[in-house]
N, C-alpha and C. Protein backbone atom coordinates (compact mmCIF):
# COMPACT_ATOMS: atom_id res chain seq x y z
N MET A 1 13.82 14.39 26.70
CA MET A 1 12.95 13.87 25.67
C MET A 1 13.55 14.14 24.29
N ALA A 2 13.51 13.17 23.43
CA ALA A 2 14.09 13.31 22.09
C ALA A 2 13.20 14.20 21.22
N GLU A 3 13.85 14.96 20.38
CA GLU A 3 13.13 15.79 19.41
C GLU A 3 12.62 14.92 18.26
N PRO A 4 11.42 15.22 17.73
CA PRO A 4 10.97 14.48 16.54
C PRO A 4 11.93 14.70 15.38
N LYS A 5 12.21 13.65 14.63
CA LYS A 5 13.14 13.74 13.51
C LYS A 5 12.56 14.48 12.31
N THR A 6 11.28 14.27 12.06
CA THR A 6 10.66 14.84 10.86
C THR A 6 9.97 16.15 11.21
N LYS A 7 10.55 17.24 10.71
CA LYS A 7 10.02 18.58 10.95
C LYS A 7 9.87 19.31 9.62
N LYS A 8 9.02 20.32 9.65
CA LYS A 8 8.84 21.16 8.47
C LYS A 8 10.13 21.91 8.18
N THR A 9 10.49 21.98 6.90
CA THR A 9 11.72 22.67 6.49
C THR A 9 11.40 23.72 5.43
N ASP A 10 12.40 24.46 5.05
CA ASP A 10 12.25 25.46 3.98
C ASP A 10 12.73 24.93 2.64
N ALA A 11 13.02 23.64 2.56
CA ALA A 11 13.49 23.04 1.30
C ALA A 11 12.42 23.19 0.22
N SER A 12 12.85 23.19 -1.01
CA SER A 12 11.97 23.38 -2.16
C SER A 12 11.23 22.08 -2.51
N VAL A 13 9.90 22.14 -2.50
CA VAL A 13 9.10 21.00 -2.92
C VAL A 13 9.34 20.71 -4.40
N ALA A 14 9.37 21.75 -5.22
CA ALA A 14 9.58 21.57 -6.66
C ALA A 14 10.93 20.89 -6.93
N ALA A 15 11.97 21.32 -6.26
CA ALA A 15 13.29 20.72 -6.46
C ALA A 15 13.29 19.27 -6.02
N PHE A 16 12.62 18.98 -4.91
CA PHE A 16 12.53 17.60 -4.44
C PHE A 16 11.84 16.72 -5.48
N LEU A 17 10.70 17.17 -5.98
CA LEU A 17 9.96 16.37 -6.97
C LEU A 17 10.72 16.27 -8.29
N ASP A 18 11.40 17.34 -8.69
CA ASP A 18 12.20 17.30 -9.92
C ASP A 18 13.32 16.26 -9.83
N ALA A 19 13.77 15.97 -8.62
CA ALA A 19 14.88 15.03 -8.42
C ALA A 19 14.43 13.57 -8.32
N VAL A 20 13.12 13.31 -8.37
CA VAL A 20 12.65 11.93 -8.33
C VAL A 20 13.11 11.25 -9.62
N ALA A 21 13.87 10.18 -9.47
CA ALA A 21 14.52 9.55 -10.62
C ALA A 21 13.56 8.91 -11.61
N ASP A 22 12.57 8.19 -11.11
CA ASP A 22 11.64 7.47 -11.99
C ASP A 22 10.62 8.45 -12.58
N PRO A 23 10.56 8.58 -13.90
CA PRO A 23 9.65 9.55 -14.53
C PRO A 23 8.18 9.31 -14.19
N ARG A 24 7.76 8.05 -14.14
CA ARG A 24 6.35 7.75 -13.80
C ARG A 24 6.06 8.14 -12.36
N ARG A 25 6.97 7.82 -11.44
CA ARG A 25 6.78 8.15 -10.03
C ARG A 25 6.76 9.67 -9.86
N ARG A 26 7.62 10.37 -10.60
CA ARG A 26 7.67 11.83 -10.54
C ARG A 26 6.35 12.43 -11.01
N GLU A 27 5.80 11.92 -12.10
CA GLU A 27 4.53 12.44 -12.62
C GLU A 27 3.37 12.11 -11.67
N ASP A 28 3.36 10.90 -11.13
CA ASP A 28 2.34 10.54 -10.13
C ASP A 28 2.42 11.47 -8.92
N ALA A 29 3.64 11.77 -8.48
CA ALA A 29 3.82 12.66 -7.33
C ALA A 29 3.27 14.05 -7.63
N ARG A 30 3.49 14.53 -8.83
CA ARG A 30 2.97 15.85 -9.20
C ARG A 30 1.44 15.86 -9.23
N GLU A 31 0.84 14.75 -9.64
CA GLU A 31 -0.62 14.66 -9.63
C GLU A 31 -1.16 14.64 -8.20
N VAL A 32 -0.49 13.91 -7.31
CA VAL A 32 -0.91 13.88 -5.90
C VAL A 32 -0.70 15.26 -5.27
N LEU A 33 0.37 15.93 -5.64
CA LEU A 33 0.61 17.30 -5.16
C LEU A 33 -0.57 18.20 -5.51
N ALA A 34 -1.01 18.16 -6.76
CA ALA A 34 -2.13 19.00 -7.19
C ALA A 34 -3.41 18.60 -6.46
N LEU A 35 -3.64 17.31 -6.30
CA LEU A 35 -4.83 16.82 -5.60
C LEU A 35 -4.87 17.31 -4.16
N MET A 36 -3.78 17.14 -3.44
CA MET A 36 -3.75 17.53 -2.03
C MET A 36 -3.80 19.05 -1.86
N LYS A 37 -3.17 19.76 -2.76
CA LYS A 37 -3.22 21.22 -2.70
C LYS A 37 -4.65 21.71 -2.90
N ARG A 38 -5.34 21.12 -3.86
CA ARG A 38 -6.73 21.48 -4.14
C ARG A 38 -7.63 21.16 -2.94
N ILE A 39 -7.48 20.00 -2.37
CA ILE A 39 -8.35 19.58 -1.26
C ILE A 39 -8.06 20.35 0.02
N THR A 40 -6.77 20.54 0.34
CA THR A 40 -6.43 21.20 1.60
C THR A 40 -6.48 22.72 1.51
N GLY A 41 -6.27 23.26 0.31
CA GLY A 41 -6.16 24.71 0.18
C GLY A 41 -4.86 25.25 0.76
N GLU A 42 -3.93 24.36 1.06
CA GLU A 42 -2.65 24.72 1.69
C GLU A 42 -1.52 24.64 0.66
N GLU A 43 -0.48 25.43 0.91
CA GLU A 43 0.73 25.33 0.11
C GLU A 43 1.55 24.16 0.63
N PRO A 44 2.16 23.38 -0.26
CA PRO A 44 2.96 22.25 0.19
C PRO A 44 4.26 22.71 0.84
N LYS A 45 4.68 21.95 1.83
CA LYS A 45 5.96 22.19 2.52
C LYS A 45 6.69 20.86 2.64
N MET A 46 8.01 20.92 2.63
CA MET A 46 8.80 19.72 2.88
C MET A 46 8.83 19.46 4.38
N TRP A 47 8.66 18.19 4.73
CA TRP A 47 8.79 17.73 6.11
C TRP A 47 9.93 16.73 6.09
N GLY A 48 11.03 17.10 6.71
CA GLY A 48 12.22 16.27 6.61
C GLY A 48 12.69 16.29 5.17
N PRO A 49 13.53 15.34 4.80
CA PRO A 49 14.10 15.36 3.46
C PRO A 49 13.21 14.74 2.38
N SER A 50 12.10 14.05 2.76
CA SER A 50 11.40 13.29 1.73
C SER A 50 9.88 13.25 1.82
N ILE A 51 9.26 14.07 2.65
CA ILE A 51 7.80 14.07 2.75
C ILE A 51 7.29 15.45 2.37
N VAL A 52 6.30 15.48 1.47
CA VAL A 52 5.62 16.71 1.09
C VAL A 52 4.34 16.75 1.92
N GLY A 53 4.19 17.79 2.73
CA GLY A 53 3.04 17.87 3.62
C GLY A 53 2.20 19.11 3.40
N PHE A 54 0.96 19.02 3.86
CA PHE A 54 -0.01 20.10 3.72
C PHE A 54 -0.64 20.38 5.07
N GLY A 55 -0.58 21.63 5.51
CA GLY A 55 -1.12 21.98 6.81
C GLY A 55 -0.34 21.29 7.91
N SER A 56 -0.82 21.41 9.14
CA SER A 56 -0.18 20.70 10.25
C SER A 56 -1.12 20.61 11.43
N TYR A 57 -0.83 19.68 12.29
CA TYR A 57 -1.54 19.54 13.55
C TYR A 57 -0.53 19.10 14.60
N THR A 58 -0.88 19.30 15.86
CA THR A 58 -0.01 18.90 16.96
C THR A 58 -0.56 17.63 17.57
N TYR A 59 0.29 16.65 17.76
CA TYR A 59 -0.10 15.39 18.40
C TYR A 59 0.59 15.31 19.75
N THR A 60 0.01 14.51 20.64
CA THR A 60 0.59 14.29 21.96
C THR A 60 0.59 12.79 22.24
N TYR A 61 1.77 12.26 22.56
CA TYR A 61 1.88 10.85 22.95
C TYR A 61 1.44 10.69 24.40
N ALA A 62 1.17 9.47 24.80
CA ALA A 62 0.80 9.17 26.19
C ALA A 62 1.88 9.66 27.16
N SER A 63 3.12 9.69 26.71
CA SER A 63 4.24 10.14 27.54
C SER A 63 4.21 11.64 27.79
N GLY A 64 3.36 12.35 27.03
CA GLY A 64 3.31 13.80 27.14
C GLY A 64 4.12 14.51 26.07
N GLN A 65 4.97 13.77 25.36
CA GLN A 65 5.76 14.37 24.29
C GLN A 65 4.83 14.81 23.16
N THR A 66 5.08 15.99 22.61
CA THR A 66 4.27 16.50 21.51
C THR A 66 5.13 16.71 20.28
N GLY A 67 4.46 16.84 19.17
CA GLY A 67 5.14 17.12 17.91
C GLY A 67 4.14 17.61 16.89
N ASP A 68 4.63 18.04 15.77
CA ASP A 68 3.77 18.48 14.67
C ASP A 68 3.93 17.53 13.50
N TRP A 69 2.85 17.39 12.73
CA TRP A 69 2.85 16.52 11.57
C TRP A 69 1.87 17.10 10.56
N PRO A 70 2.06 16.86 9.27
CA PRO A 70 1.11 17.38 8.28
C PRO A 70 -0.27 16.74 8.41
N ILE A 71 -1.29 17.50 8.09
CA ILE A 71 -2.65 16.97 8.06
C ILE A 71 -2.76 15.90 6.98
N ALA A 72 -2.10 16.13 5.86
CA ALA A 72 -2.02 15.15 4.77
C ALA A 72 -0.66 15.32 4.13
N GLY A 73 -0.16 14.25 3.54
CA GLY A 73 1.14 14.36 2.89
C GLY A 73 1.41 13.14 2.04
N PHE A 74 2.56 13.17 1.37
CA PHE A 74 2.95 12.04 0.53
C PHE A 74 4.46 12.04 0.34
N SER A 75 4.95 10.91 -0.11
CA SER A 75 6.36 10.78 -0.47
C SER A 75 6.49 9.82 -1.63
N PRO A 76 7.17 10.24 -2.69
CA PRO A 76 7.39 9.36 -3.85
C PRO A 76 8.58 8.44 -3.60
N ARG A 77 8.39 7.46 -2.74
CA ARG A 77 9.48 6.56 -2.37
C ARG A 77 9.76 5.57 -3.49
N LYS A 78 10.91 4.96 -3.44
CA LYS A 78 11.32 4.03 -4.49
C LYS A 78 10.37 2.84 -4.59
N GLN A 79 9.97 2.28 -3.45
CA GLN A 79 9.10 1.09 -3.44
C GLN A 79 7.65 1.40 -3.80
N ALA A 80 7.16 2.58 -3.38
CA ALA A 80 5.75 2.92 -3.61
C ALA A 80 5.55 4.42 -3.40
N LEU A 81 4.53 4.94 -4.03
CA LEU A 81 4.07 6.29 -3.74
C LEU A 81 3.29 6.17 -2.44
N THR A 82 3.76 6.84 -1.39
CA THR A 82 3.17 6.70 -0.07
C THR A 82 2.39 7.95 0.28
N LEU A 83 1.09 7.77 0.59
CA LEU A 83 0.25 8.88 1.03
C LEU A 83 0.04 8.73 2.53
N TYR A 84 0.20 9.84 3.26
CA TYR A 84 0.01 9.86 4.70
C TYR A 84 -1.34 10.48 4.99
N LEU A 85 -2.29 9.64 5.39
CA LEU A 85 -3.65 10.06 5.69
C LEU A 85 -3.90 9.71 7.16
N MET A 86 -3.76 10.70 8.01
CA MET A 86 -3.58 10.49 9.43
C MET A 86 -4.70 9.75 10.19
N PRO A 87 -5.95 9.90 9.89
CA PRO A 87 -6.91 9.16 10.70
C PRO A 87 -6.93 7.65 10.41
N GLY A 88 -6.20 7.22 9.40
CA GLY A 88 -6.23 5.80 9.04
C GLY A 88 -7.40 5.50 8.12
N PHE A 89 -7.74 4.21 8.01
CA PHE A 89 -8.68 3.78 6.97
C PHE A 89 -9.88 3.00 7.49
N GLU A 90 -9.97 2.80 8.80
CA GLU A 90 -11.05 1.98 9.36
C GLU A 90 -12.44 2.49 9.00
N LYS A 91 -12.62 3.81 9.00
CA LYS A 91 -13.95 4.38 8.72
C LYS A 91 -14.25 4.47 7.23
N ASP A 92 -13.32 4.05 6.40
CA ASP A 92 -13.48 4.19 4.95
C ASP A 92 -13.46 2.87 4.21
N ALA A 93 -13.96 1.82 4.85
CA ALA A 93 -13.97 0.49 4.21
C ALA A 93 -14.68 0.53 2.87
N ASP A 94 -15.75 1.32 2.77
CA ASP A 94 -16.50 1.43 1.52
C ASP A 94 -15.60 1.93 0.39
N LEU A 95 -14.79 2.94 0.67
CA LEU A 95 -13.90 3.48 -0.35
C LEU A 95 -12.73 2.54 -0.63
N MET A 96 -12.19 1.95 0.42
CA MET A 96 -11.02 1.09 0.25
C MET A 96 -11.32 -0.09 -0.66
N LYS A 97 -12.55 -0.61 -0.59
CA LYS A 97 -12.95 -1.73 -1.45
C LYS A 97 -12.98 -1.33 -2.92
N ARG A 98 -13.26 -0.05 -3.17
CA ARG A 98 -13.40 0.44 -4.55
C ARG A 98 -12.15 1.14 -5.08
N LEU A 99 -11.14 1.32 -4.22
CA LEU A 99 -9.98 2.11 -4.59
C LEU A 99 -9.17 1.50 -5.73
N GLY A 100 -8.93 0.22 -5.68
CA GLY A 100 -8.05 -0.42 -6.66
C GLY A 100 -6.85 -0.99 -5.95
N LYS A 101 -5.80 -1.27 -6.72
CA LYS A 101 -4.62 -1.95 -6.18
C LYS A 101 -3.84 -1.04 -5.22
N HIS A 102 -3.73 -1.47 -3.96
CA HIS A 102 -3.04 -0.69 -2.95
C HIS A 102 -2.68 -1.58 -1.76
N LYS A 103 -1.87 -1.04 -0.88
CA LYS A 103 -1.57 -1.63 0.42
C LYS A 103 -1.70 -0.53 1.45
N THR A 104 -1.90 -0.91 2.70
CA THR A 104 -1.99 0.10 3.75
C THR A 104 -1.15 -0.27 4.96
N GLY A 105 -0.77 0.75 5.69
CA GLY A 105 -0.21 0.66 7.02
C GLY A 105 -1.20 1.39 7.90
N LYS A 106 -0.84 1.70 9.13
CA LYS A 106 -1.77 2.37 10.04
C LYS A 106 -2.35 3.65 9.43
N SER A 107 -1.51 4.53 8.96
CA SER A 107 -1.96 5.78 8.33
C SER A 107 -1.30 6.00 6.98
N CYS A 108 -0.76 4.95 6.40
CA CYS A 108 -0.06 5.05 5.12
C CYS A 108 -0.81 4.27 4.05
N LEU A 109 -0.96 4.90 2.90
CA LEU A 109 -1.54 4.25 1.74
C LEU A 109 -0.43 4.11 0.71
N TYR A 110 -0.13 2.88 0.32
CA TYR A 110 0.96 2.60 -0.61
C TYR A 110 0.39 2.27 -1.98
N LEU A 111 0.83 3.03 -2.98
CA LEU A 111 0.38 2.82 -4.36
C LEU A 111 1.60 2.58 -5.24
N ASN A 112 1.52 1.56 -6.09
CA ASN A 112 2.59 1.36 -7.05
C ASN A 112 2.52 2.43 -8.14
N ARG A 113 1.29 2.68 -8.59
CA ARG A 113 1.06 3.69 -9.63
C ARG A 113 -0.33 4.28 -9.44
N LEU A 114 -0.48 5.54 -9.77
CA LEU A 114 -1.81 6.16 -9.69
C LEU A 114 -2.78 5.49 -10.66
N ALA A 115 -2.26 5.00 -11.77
CA ALA A 115 -3.12 4.35 -12.76
C ALA A 115 -3.79 3.09 -12.21
N ASP A 116 -3.26 2.55 -11.11
CA ASP A 116 -3.83 1.33 -10.50
C ASP A 116 -5.06 1.60 -9.65
N VAL A 117 -5.35 2.89 -9.39
CA VAL A 117 -6.47 3.21 -8.50
C VAL A 117 -7.48 4.13 -9.18
N ASP A 118 -8.68 4.13 -8.65
CA ASP A 118 -9.75 4.99 -9.13
C ASP A 118 -9.50 6.41 -8.61
N ALA A 119 -9.27 7.37 -9.50
CA ALA A 119 -8.92 8.74 -9.11
C ALA A 119 -10.02 9.39 -8.26
N GLY A 120 -11.27 9.16 -8.60
CA GLY A 120 -12.37 9.74 -7.84
C GLY A 120 -12.44 9.20 -6.42
N VAL A 121 -12.21 7.91 -6.28
CA VAL A 121 -12.22 7.28 -4.96
C VAL A 121 -11.04 7.81 -4.13
N LEU A 122 -9.88 7.93 -4.75
CA LEU A 122 -8.71 8.46 -4.05
C LEU A 122 -8.98 9.88 -3.58
N GLU A 123 -9.56 10.69 -4.43
CA GLU A 123 -9.87 12.07 -4.05
C GLU A 123 -10.82 12.11 -2.86
N GLU A 124 -11.84 11.28 -2.86
CA GLU A 124 -12.79 11.25 -1.74
C GLU A 124 -12.11 10.76 -0.47
N LEU A 125 -11.23 9.81 -0.58
CA LEU A 125 -10.48 9.30 0.57
C LEU A 125 -9.63 10.42 1.20
N VAL A 126 -8.92 11.16 0.37
CA VAL A 126 -8.11 12.27 0.86
C VAL A 126 -9.00 13.35 1.46
N ARG A 127 -10.11 13.66 0.81
CA ARG A 127 -11.04 14.68 1.30
C ARG A 127 -11.58 14.31 2.70
N ARG A 128 -12.01 13.06 2.86
CA ARG A 128 -12.53 12.61 4.16
C ARG A 128 -11.45 12.69 5.23
N SER A 129 -10.24 12.28 4.88
CA SER A 129 -9.14 12.29 5.82
C SER A 129 -8.86 13.72 6.31
N VAL A 130 -8.78 14.64 5.38
CA VAL A 130 -8.50 16.04 5.73
C VAL A 130 -9.64 16.60 6.60
N GLU A 131 -10.88 16.32 6.24
CA GLU A 131 -12.02 16.79 7.05
C GLU A 131 -11.95 16.25 8.47
N ARG A 132 -11.65 14.97 8.62
CA ARG A 132 -11.55 14.38 9.96
C ARG A 132 -10.45 15.03 10.78
N MET A 133 -9.33 15.26 10.14
CA MET A 133 -8.22 15.88 10.87
C MET A 133 -8.55 17.32 11.28
N ARG A 134 -9.23 18.04 10.45
CA ARG A 134 -9.58 19.42 10.77
C ARG A 134 -10.69 19.49 11.81
N ASN A 135 -11.54 18.47 11.86
CA ASN A 135 -12.65 18.47 12.80
C ASN A 135 -12.37 17.74 14.10
N ARG A 136 -11.20 17.13 14.23
CA ARG A 136 -10.91 16.37 15.43
C ARG A 136 -10.89 17.32 16.63
N GLY A 137 -11.50 16.87 17.67
CA GLY A 137 -11.55 17.69 18.89
C GLY A 137 -12.54 18.83 18.82
N ALA A 138 -13.23 18.97 17.68
CA ALA A 138 -14.18 20.08 17.54
C ALA A 138 -15.50 19.75 18.20
């Protein structure tokens, strides 16, 4: 069985964010860092070379393969600021309608800029996501 590629590392979160080339993306990433740290109560860790994660949980595929992933995380990618909110967005249609300009994948929220979204709605979305992940299986 193949090992998961993205694992928690000892790399510096601050150094990673300092190296983000676009000043606006770098500042947005620092704001998301503070938001997720406040909501999770966890210290940020690098997961692989480009994801900042908070906390962790173990997942199991149907094949039986397991791995660890952050409860919440983000990456200041070139195309978009990507937030990883693991339960997805189906249960949060009310918030998604009010969030502002965004795109989604299964568990990814893509933002061009934080200024494009309602900060309070984003905070509630992250808070709900973290609560669901911590309460899953409880």
